[in-house]
Amino acid sequence: MHDISLTTLLLLCLAAAAAGWIDAVVGGGGLLQLPALLVGLPHVSPAYVLGTNKAVAICGTAAAAVSYTRRAPIDLRTAFRIGLAALGGSLAGAFFASGIDSAVLRPLIMAILLGVLVFVLVRPGFGAAAAAAGPVSRRRVLTAILVAGLGIGFYDGLIGPGTGTFLVLALAGILHMDLVSASGTAKIVNVCTNVGALVTFSLQGAVLWQVALPMAVFNLGGGAVGARMALKRGSGFVRWVLVVVVLALLCKLGYDEWGA
């Protein structure tokens, strides 16, 4: 149905590996992977691009989630409660995704990225360390379920890029986690959102499996390496990767929008 050159497929696989690494460290790998798919598959409808992106992303996210749960202090019960809500949110978001116009994706992603960058830069101590030990209040957990689960889950199903980053920020802010624990928890939640969205896209037949499967292998490898580096180097490393990635993507998308 869609003829894709071997060179294009190879470049998409390399982008998937880099996206897997970024996603495992700080989230937001889709901010690299989705634009790569939009550029590499210019004649494919947005629904197919979004569906293919989900099929790839779930592999790297799952690999990173396994690495984090083995070595980082993660409250699995809270993570799965938020993840269940996110699953429902992403199913709903993916249902509406077929109506997304590709022309609105780039400026929307840029606006979201700029907001993330400003927040991280004006809060240099954000996520540097977890709050004092003790049980998290039910109110905060409920807020996290609504915001990080239903809200960000819906966004992930609808568009997707930046979901991991937004989850990290939300979890660190609402539940007072350090960035490493927030990243690990975000991966578990993100697996759930990816499952929900992928089910919807698969039922609609909107996944290019001949592209998604080889990209997924590279994404998985990148995710595993990225998770190990984040665990080894800590929250300071995660924060600076976040800043560099967001700046680079803003420059790239800005050039694509106005410089071409």
Protein backbone atom coordinates (compact mmCIF):
# COMPACT_ATOMS: atom_id res chain seq x y z
CA MET A 1 0.00 0.00 0.00
CA HIS A 2 2.83 2.41 0.87
CA ASP A 3 6.19 2.06 -0.94
CA ILE A 4 9.07 3.09 1.32
CA SER A 5 12.72 3.10 0.26
CA LEU A 6 15.32 1.17 2.21
CA THR A 7 17.20 4.42 2.91
CA THR A 8 14.11 6.05 4.38
CA LEU A 9 13.42 2.99 6.52
CA LEU A 10 17.01 2.96 7.81
CA LEU A 11 16.85 6.65 8.74
CA LEU A 12 13.54 6.08 10.51
CA CYS A 13 15.10 3.19 12.46
CA LEU A 14 18.00 5.41 13.58
CA ALA A 15 15.51 8.07 14.66
CA ALA A 16 13.60 5.40 16.58
CA ALA A 17 16.77 4.34 18.43
CA ALA A 18 17.52 7.95 19.42
CA ALA A 19 13.88 8.47 20.42
CA GLY A 20 13.98 5.35 22.59
CA TRP A 21 17.06 6.65 24.40
CA ILE A 22 15.51 10.10 24.94
CA ASP A 23 12.21 8.62 26.06
CA ALA A 24 13.90 6.36 28.61
CA VAL A 25 15.98 9.17 30.11
CA VAL A 26 13.43 11.95 30.35
CA GLY A 27 10.42 11.14 28.18
CA GLY A 28 9.42 12.91 25.01
CA GLY A 29 11.03 10.59 22.48
CA GLY A 30 7.94 11.01 20.34
CA LEU A 31 8.95 14.64 19.82
CA LEU A 32 11.77 13.24 17.68
CA GLN A 33 10.09 10.13 16.35
CA LEU A 34 6.78 11.65 15.21
CA PRO A 35 8.39 14.49 13.21
CA ALA A 36 10.73 11.90 11.67
CA LEU A 37 7.73 9.85 10.56
CA LEU A 38 5.96 12.96 9.24
CA VAL A 39 9.03 13.84 7.15
CA GLY A 40 9.80 10.27 6.06
CA LEU A 41 6.19 9.44 5.17
CA PRO A 42 4.90 12.72 3.67
CA HIS A 43 2.07 11.13 1.69
CA VAL A 44 0.71 8.99 4.54
CA SER A 45 -2.35 10.23 6.42
CA PRO A 46 -1.83 11.57 9.99
CA ALA A 47 -3.84 8.70 11.50
CA TYR A 48 -1.42 6.13 10.01
CA VAL A 49 1.59 8.14 11.17
CA LEU A 50 0.20 8.37 14.71
CA GLY A 51 -0.70 4.68 14.78
CA THR A 52 2.72 3.61 13.52
CA ASN A 53 4.39 5.88 16.08
CA LYS A 54 2.47 4.14 18.88
CA ALA A 55 3.41 0.66 17.65
CA VAL A 56 7.09 1.67 17.76
CA ALA A 57 7.02 3.62 21.02
CA ILE A 58 5.47 0.87 23.11
CA CYS A 59 8.55 -1.35 22.68
CA GLY A 60 11.13 1.14 23.93
CA THR A 61 8.87 2.32 26.73
CA ALA A 62 8.28 -1.26 27.93
CA ALA A 63 12.02 -2.01 27.91
CA ALA A 64 12.74 1.15 29.92
CA ALA A 65 9.93 0.36 32.37
CA VAL A 66 11.43 -3.06 33.11
CA SER A 67 14.88 -1.52 33.73
CA TYR A 68 13.50 1.11 36.09
CA THR A 69 11.32 -1.27 38.14
CA ARG A 70 14.36 -3.44 38.83
CA ARG A 71 16.56 -0.65 40.17
CA ALA A 72 14.60 2.53 41.01
CA PRO A 73 12.35 3.12 44.07
CA ILE A 74 8.94 2.99 42.40
CA ASP A 75 5.53 2.64 44.05
CA LEU A 76 4.08 0.06 41.67
CA ARG A 77 0.58 0.24 43.16
CA THR A 78 0.33 3.98 42.52
CA ALA A 79 1.94 3.62 39.10
CA PHE A 80 -0.59 1.02 37.96
CA ARG A 81 -3.54 3.00 39.34
CA ILE A 82 -2.47 6.03 37.32
CA GLY A 83 -1.71 3.75 34.37
CA LEU A 84 -5.21 2.27 34.38
CA ALA A 85 -6.72 5.75 34.17
CA ALA A 86 -4.23 6.63 31.44
CA LEU A 87 -5.28 3.54 29.48
CA GLY A 88 -8.86 4.78 29.40
CA GLY A 89 -7.78 8.31 28.52
CA SER A 90 -5.59 7.16 25.63
CA LEU A 91 -8.37 4.96 24.22
CA ALA A 92 -10.62 8.01 24.12
CA GLY A 93 -7.90 10.24 22.65
CA ALA A 94 -7.03 7.78 19.88
CA PHE A 95 -10.71 7.57 18.94
CA PHE A 96 -10.65 11.28 18.04
CA ALA A 97 -7.18 11.24 16.45
CA SER A 98 -8.42 10.55 12.92
CA GLY A 99 -9.72 14.11 12.82
CA ILE A 100 -6.29 15.66 13.45
CA ASP A 101 -4.91 17.75 10.58
CA SER A 102 -1.15 17.30 10.08
CA ALA A 103 -0.84 21.07 9.49
CA VAL A 104 -1.61 21.78 13.16
CA LEU A 105 0.81 19.25 14.63
CA ARG A 106 4.07 21.20 14.27
CA PRO A 107 2.98 24.54 15.84
CA LEU A 108 1.11 22.70 18.58
CA ILE A 109 4.17 20.64 19.48
CA MET A 110 6.31 23.80 19.46
CA ALA A 111 3.99 25.59 21.89
CA ILE A 112 4.02 22.61 24.26
CA LEU A 113 7.81 22.34 24.08
CA LEU A 114 8.27 26.02 24.87
CA GLY A 115 6.07 25.68 27.94
CA VAL A 116 8.10 22.71 29.17
CA LEU A 117 11.40 24.54 28.62
CA VAL A 118 10.32 27.67 30.51
CA PHE A 119 9.04 25.59 33.43
CA VAL A 120 12.25 23.59 33.80
CA LEU A 121 14.53 26.62 33.49
CA VAL A 122 12.68 28.75 36.06
CA ARG A 123 12.62 25.85 38.53
CA PRO A 124 16.29 24.72 38.73
CA GLY A 125 15.66 22.61 41.83
CA PHE A 126 12.64 20.84 40.38
CA GLY A 127 12.96 17.08 40.73
CA ALA A 128 16.46 17.24 42.20
CA ALA A 129 15.38 15.21 45.24
CA ALA A 130 12.26 13.48 46.49
CA ALA A 131 10.16 14.88 49.30
CA ALA A 132 10.65 13.55 52.84
CA ALA A 133 9.74 9.90 53.20
CA GLY A 134 6.17 9.14 54.15
CA PRO A 135 2.87 8.07 52.60
CA VAL A 136 1.51 10.21 49.80
CA SER A 137 -1.90 11.67 50.60
CA ARG A 138 -4.96 10.23 48.86
CA ARG A 139 -5.72 13.71 47.53
CA ARG A 140 -2.38 13.89 45.73
CA VAL A 141 -2.78 10.38 44.33
CA LEU A 142 -6.27 11.24 43.06
CA THR A 143 -4.93 14.43 41.48
CA ALA A 144 -2.19 12.41 39.79
CA ILE A 145 -4.76 9.90 38.50
CA LEU A 146 -6.87 12.71 37.00
CA VAL A 147 -4.02 14.81 35.58
CA ALA A 148 -1.30 12.29 34.72
CA GLY A 149 -3.74 9.46 34.05
CA LEU A 150 -6.88 10.67 32.35
CA GLY A 151 -5.60 14.05 31.12
CA ILE A 152 -2.18 13.17 29.76
CA GLY A 153 -3.47 9.76 28.69
CA PHE A 154 -6.08 11.47 26.48
CA TYR A 155 -3.38 13.71 24.99
CA ASP A 156 -1.19 10.67 24.31
CA GLY A 157 -3.92 8.92 22.40
CA LEU A 158 -4.85 12.09 20.50
CA ILE A 159 -1.37 13.31 19.50
CA GLY A 160 1.32 11.72 21.68
CA PRO A 161 4.64 13.61 21.42
CA GLY A 162 5.98 14.74 24.77
CA THR A 163 3.75 12.44 26.81
CA GLY A 164 6.66 10.95 28.73
CA THR A 165 8.05 14.40 29.53
CA PHE A 166 4.67 15.68 30.70
CA LEU A 167 4.23 12.60 32.86
CA VAL A 168 7.63 13.11 34.48
CA LEU A 169 6.82 16.77 35.22
CA ALA A 170 3.35 15.95 36.55
CA LEU A 171 4.50 13.08 38.76
CA ALA A 172 7.45 15.03 40.16
CA GLY A 173 5.23 18.04 40.83
CA ILE A 174 2.14 16.34 42.22
CA LEU A 175 3.67 13.39 44.06
CA HIS A 176 6.98 15.12 44.95
CA MET A 177 9.15 12.45 43.32
CA ASP A 178 12.76 12.96 42.26
CA LEU A 179 13.26 12.89 38.49
CA VAL A 180 14.63 9.34 38.37
CA SER A 181 11.66 7.86 40.29
CA ALA A 182 9.28 10.06 38.27
CA SER A 183 10.85 8.79 35.03
CA GLY A 184 10.45 5.18 36.12
CA THR A 185 6.83 5.68 37.16
CA ALA A 186 6.15 7.57 33.93
CA LYS A 187 7.38 4.62 31.88
CA ILE A 188 4.85 2.28 33.50
CA VAL A 189 2.03 4.78 32.93
CA ASN A 190 3.24 5.42 29.39
CA VAL A 191 3.12 1.71 28.56
CA CYS A 192 -0.55 1.78 29.52
CA THR A 193 -1.31 4.84 27.37
CA ASN A 194 0.53 3.28 24.43
CA VAL A 195 -1.46 0.05 24.80
CA GLY A 196 -4.76 1.93 24.82
CA ALA A 197 -3.91 4.05 21.80
CA LEU A 198 -2.37 1.15 19.87
CA VAL A 199 -5.46 -1.02 20.36
CA THR A 200 -7.64 1.72 18.89
CA PHE A 201 -5.32 2.41 15.95
CA SER A 202 -4.95 -1.33 15.24
CA LEU A 203 -8.71 -1.85 15.19
CA GLN A 204 -8.95 1.03 12.72
CA GLY A 205 -6.21 -0.55 10.59
CA ALA A 206 -4.11 2.61 10.95
CA VAL A 207 -0.68 1.03 11.61
CA LEU A 208 2.03 0.50 8.96
CA TRP A 209 3.46 -2.69 10.45
CA GLN A 210 6.15 -3.06 7.76
CA VAL A 211 7.60 0.22 9.04
CA ALA A 212 6.73 -0.17 12.72
CA LEU A 213 8.34 -3.56 13.35
CA PRO A 214 11.94 -2.76 12.29
CA MET A 215 11.72 0.65 13.96
CA ALA A 216 10.48 -1.02 17.15
CA VAL A 217 13.63 -3.16 17.40
CA PHE A 218 15.83 -0.04 17.32
CA ASN A 219 13.53 1.81 19.71
CA LEU A 220 13.71 -1.05 22.20
CA GLY A 221 17.51 -1.01 22.15
CA GLY A 222 17.63 2.75 22.64
CA GLY A 223 15.18 2.54 25.53
CA ALA A 224 17.18 -0.10 27.37
CA VAL A 225 20.44 1.87 27.07
CA GLY A 226 18.80 5.16 28.08
CA ALA A 227 17.22 3.70 31.22
CA ARG A 228 20.55 2.30 32.41
CA MET A 229 22.27 5.67 31.90
CA ALA A 230 19.55 7.60 33.76
CA LEU A 231 19.68 5.20 36.71
CA LYS A 232 23.46 5.41 36.87
CA ARG A 233 23.82 9.20 36.56
CA GLY A 234 20.80 10.47 38.51
CA SER A 235 18.35 13.38 38.40
CA GLY A 236 20.85 16.07 37.43
CA PHE A 237 21.69 14.18 34.24
CA VAL A 238 18.00 13.68 33.46
CA ARG A 239 17.27 17.41 33.88
CA TRP A 240 20.02 18.55 31.53
CA VAL A 241 19.11 15.99 28.90
CA LEU A 242 15.57 17.38 29.09
CA VAL A 243 16.77 20.96 28.53
CA VAL A 244 19.07 20.03 25.62
CA VAL A 245 16.45 17.86 23.91
CA VAL A 246 13.73 20.51 24.17
CA LEU A 247 16.02 23.27 22.85
CA ALA A 248 17.17 21.14 19.92
CA LEU A 249 13.64 20.17 18.97
CA LEU A 250 12.40 23.76 19.22
CA CYS A 251 15.16 24.86 16.83
CA LYS A 252 14.41 22.01 14.43
CA LEU A 253 10.66 22.54 14.36
CA GLY A 254 11.06 26.32 14.15
CA TYR A 255 13.32 25.95 11.12
CA ASP A 256 10.87 23.56 9.48
CA GLU A 257 8.00 25.97 10.09
CA TRP A 258 9.58 29.29 9.11
CA GLY A 259 13.07 28.72 7.73
CA ALA A 260 12.32 26.48 4.80
